[in-house]
Amino acid sequence: MRTIKLDASGWSTMSDFTSALKAAIGAPGWHGTTAAAFIDSMVAGGINALEPPYVIEIVNTAKLDPEVMKFVRDVSSSVDDTRVRRLARTGEDVAVCIRIVEAS
């Protein structure tokens, strides 16, 4: 499975995270910045240049602002939850996830 690393050490806002994630997945210019937008494009597919299977690994998260970290975690868990629900509903697993590495 392909792993794409994103370095969070320079992020100070939620927009920094969403911009980095959109670039990593090859999202179109009109792509939204909410957790729902990432669920739609990552789990439903057919929108981004990058198609499953892949892991987005976020490193250097220790110094992130708590609100930014909460949003990163919310997006990550939303993608995971939607993937599990889709598997239960359709029997199809979409191999995507956002893994957070708790490192400095």
C-alpha atoms as a PDB file:
ATOM      1  CA  MET A   1       0.000   0.000   0.000  1.00  0.00           C
ATOM      2  CA  ARG A   2       1.281   3.466  -0.881  1.00  0.00           C
ATOM      3  CA  THR A   3       2.131   5.742   2.054  1.00  0.00           C
ATOM      4  CA  ILE A   4       2.173   9.513   1.638  1.00  0.00           C
ATOM      5  CA  LYS A   5       3.815  11.427   4.498  1.00  0.00           C
ATOM      6  CA  LEU A   6       2.692  14.898   5.478  1.00  0.00           C
ATOM      7  CA  ASP A   7       4.909  16.918   7.820  1.00  0.00           C
ATOM      8  CA  ALA A   8       2.773  18.864  10.289  1.00  0.00           C
ATOM      9  CA  SER A   9       5.680  20.764  11.844  1.00  0.00           C
ATOM     10  CA  GLY A  10       4.904  23.918   9.845  1.00  0.00           C
ATOM     11  CA  TRP A  11       1.136  23.883  10.299  1.00  0.00           C
ATOM     12  CA  SER A  12      -0.502  26.516  12.481  1.00  0.00           C
ATOM     13  CA  THR A  13      -4.067  26.529  11.137  1.00  0.00           C
ATOM     14  CA  MET A  14      -6.683  24.057   9.972  1.00  0.00           C
ATOM     15  CA  SER A  15      -6.216  25.521   6.505  1.00  0.00           C
ATOM     16  CA  ASP A  16      -2.565  24.423   6.558  1.00  0.00           C
ATOM     17  CA  PHE A  17      -3.721  20.848   7.173  1.00  0.00           C
ATOM     18  CA  THR A  18      -6.505  20.868   4.579  1.00  0.00           C
ATOM     19  CA  SER A  19      -4.243  22.433   1.946  1.00  0.00           C
ATOM     20  CA  ALA A  20      -1.575  19.788   2.547  1.00  0.00           C
ATOM     21  CA  LEU A  21      -4.116  16.966   2.470  1.00  0.00           C
ATOM     22  CA  LYS A  22      -5.755  18.246  -0.725  1.00  0.00           C
ATOM     23  CA  ALA A  23      -2.345  18.482  -2.407  1.00  0.00           C
ATOM     24  CA  ALA A  24      -1.406  14.969  -1.251  1.00  0.00           C
ATOM     25  CA  ILE A  25      -4.551  13.368  -2.665  1.00  0.00           C
ATOM     26  CA  GLY A  26      -4.580  15.465  -5.824  1.00  0.00           C
ATOM     27  CA  ALA A  27      -7.915  17.058  -5.032  1.00  0.00           C
ATOM     28  CA  PRO A  28      -9.497  19.345  -7.623  1.00  0.00           C
ATOM     29  CA  GLY A  29      -9.549  23.091  -6.999  1.00  0.00           C
ATOM     30  CA  TRP A  30     -13.205  23.069  -5.994  1.00  0.00           C
ATOM     31  CA  HIS A  31     -12.668  20.438  -3.248  1.00  0.00           C
ATOM     32  CA  GLY A  32     -14.077  21.463   0.125  1.00  0.00           C
ATOM     33  CA  THR A  33     -12.251  21.638   3.435  1.00  0.00           C
ATOM     34  CA  THR A  34     -14.681  19.849   5.754  1.00  0.00           C
ATOM     35  CA  ALA A  35     -14.385  16.309   7.056  1.00  0.00           C
ATOM     36  CA  ALA A  36     -17.396  15.429   4.879  1.00  0.00           C
ATOM     37  CA  ALA A  37     -15.617  16.675   1.765  1.00  0.00           C
ATOM     38  CA  PHE A  38     -12.620  14.446   2.466  1.00  0.00           C
ATOM     39  CA  ILE A  39     -14.894  11.476   3.191  1.00  0.00           C
ATOM     40  CA  ASP A  40     -16.642  11.978  -0.142  1.00  0.00           C
ATOM     41  CA  SER A  41     -13.463  12.195  -2.155  1.00  0.00           C
ATOM     42  CA  MET A  42     -11.324   9.652  -0.295  1.00  0.00           C
ATOM     43  CA  VAL A  43     -13.868   6.921   0.478  1.00  0.00           C
ATOM     44  CA  ALA A  44     -16.428   7.383  -2.295  1.00  0.00           C
ATOM     45  CA  GLY A  45     -13.653   7.980  -4.813  1.00  0.00           C
ATOM     46  CA  GLY A  46     -13.614   9.155  -8.391  1.00  0.00           C
ATOM     47  CA  ILE A  47     -12.731  12.740  -7.475  1.00  0.00           C
ATOM     48  CA  ASN A  48      -9.024  12.916  -6.625  1.00  0.00           C
ATOM     49  CA  ALA A  49      -5.974  12.114  -8.715  1.00  0.00           C
ATOM     50  CA  LEU A  50      -4.845   9.661  -6.013  1.00  0.00           C
ATOM     51  CA  GLU A  51      -7.014   6.562  -5.826  1.00  0.00           C
ATOM     52  CA  PRO A  52      -6.964   3.832  -3.145  1.00  0.00           C
ATOM     53  CA  PRO A  53      -5.191   1.987  -1.734  1.00  0.00           C
ATOM     54  CA  TYR A  54      -3.139   4.486   0.254  1.00  0.00           C
ATOM     55  CA  VAL A  55      -2.284   5.744   3.721  1.00  0.00           C
ATOM     56  CA  ILE A  56      -1.799   9.394   4.532  1.00  0.00           C
ATOM     57  CA  GLU A  57       0.708   9.464   7.400  1.00  0.00           C
ATOM     58  CA  ILE A  58       0.922  12.710   9.333  1.00  0.00           C
ATOM     59  CA  VAL A  59       4.211  13.180  11.160  1.00  0.00           C
ATOM     60  CA  ASN A  60       5.549  15.793  13.584  1.00  0.00           C
ATOM     61  CA  THR A  61       2.204  16.452  15.242  1.00  0.00           C
ATOM     62  CA  ALA A  62       3.399  17.030  18.831  1.00  0.00           C
ATOM     63  CA  LYS A  63       3.439  20.826  18.609  1.00  0.00           C
ATOM     64  CA  LEU A  64       0.200  21.311  16.685  1.00  0.00           C
ATOM     65  CA  ASP A  65      -2.317  23.750  18.092  1.00  0.00           C
ATOM     66  CA  PRO A  66      -4.927  21.713  20.021  1.00  0.00           C
ATOM     67  CA  GLU A  67      -7.765  22.875  17.750  1.00  0.00           C
ATOM     68  CA  VAL A  68      -5.828  21.898  14.618  1.00  0.00           C
ATOM     69  CA  MET A  69      -4.964  18.517  16.151  1.00  0.00           C
ATOM     70  CA  LYS A  70      -8.622  17.959  17.040  1.00  0.00           C
ATOM     71  CA  PHE A  71      -9.622  18.664  13.450  1.00  0.00           C
ATOM     72  CA  VAL A  72      -6.927  16.324  12.095  1.00  0.00           C
ATOM     73  CA  ARG A  73      -8.189  13.595  14.434  1.00  0.00           C
ATOM     74  CA  ASP A  74     -11.818  14.289  13.473  1.00  0.00           C
ATOM     75  CA  VAL A  75     -11.049  13.933   9.760  1.00  0.00           C
ATOM     76  CA  SER A  76      -9.027  10.778  10.381  1.00  0.00           C
ATOM     77  CA  SER A  77     -11.717   9.104  12.491  1.00  0.00           C
ATOM     78  CA  SER A  78     -14.472  10.189  10.087  1.00  0.00           C
ATOM     79  CA  VAL A  79     -12.659   8.539   7.184  1.00  0.00           C
ATOM     80  CA  ASP A  80     -12.180   5.369   9.267  1.00  0.00           C
ATOM     81  CA  ASP A  81     -15.813   5.291  10.431  1.00  0.00           C
ATOM     82  CA  THR A  82     -17.149   5.813   6.924  1.00  0.00           C
ATOM     83  CA  ARG A  83     -14.889   3.100   5.564  1.00  0.00           C
ATOM     84  CA  VAL A  84     -16.218   0.624   8.173  1.00  0.00           C
ATOM     85  CA  ARG A  85     -19.850   1.572   7.473  1.00  0.00           C
ATOM     86  CA  ARG A  86     -19.322   1.194   3.736  1.00  0.00           C
ATOM     87  CA  LEU A  87     -17.773  -2.244   4.224  1.00  0.00           C
ATOM     88  CA  ALA A  88     -20.736  -3.337   6.349  1.00  0.00           C
ATOM     89  CA  ARG A  89     -23.266  -1.915   3.879  1.00  0.00           C
ATOM     90  CA  THR A  90     -21.733  -2.969   0.563  1.00  0.00           C
ATOM     91  CA  GLY A  91     -19.077  -5.554   1.378  1.00  0.00           C
ATOM     92  CA  GLU A  92     -16.515  -3.332  -0.365  1.00  0.00           C
ATOM     93  CA  ASP A  93     -13.488  -2.115   1.557  1.00  0.00           C
ATOM     94  CA  VAL A  94     -11.892   1.114   0.387  1.00  0.00           C
ATOM     95  CA  ALA A  95      -8.295   0.928   1.591  1.00  0.00           C
ATOM     96  CA  VAL A  96      -7.636   4.515   2.669  1.00  0.00           C
ATOM     97  CA  CYS A  97      -6.748   5.979   6.030  1.00  0.00           C
ATOM     98  CA  ILE A  98      -5.133   8.924   7.729  1.00  0.00           C
ATOM     99  CA  ARG A  99      -2.579   7.755  10.291  1.00  0.00           C
ATOM    100  CA  ILE A 100      -1.385  10.258  12.883  1.00  0.00           C
ATOM    101  CA  VAL A 101       2.140   9.770  14.202  1.00  0.00           C
ATOM    102  CA  GLU A 102       2.461  11.319  17.664  1.00  0.00           C
ATOM    103  CA  ALA A 103       6.042  12.480  17.304  1.00  0.00           C
ATOM    104  CA  SER A 104       7.848  15.750  17.785  1.00  0.00           C
END
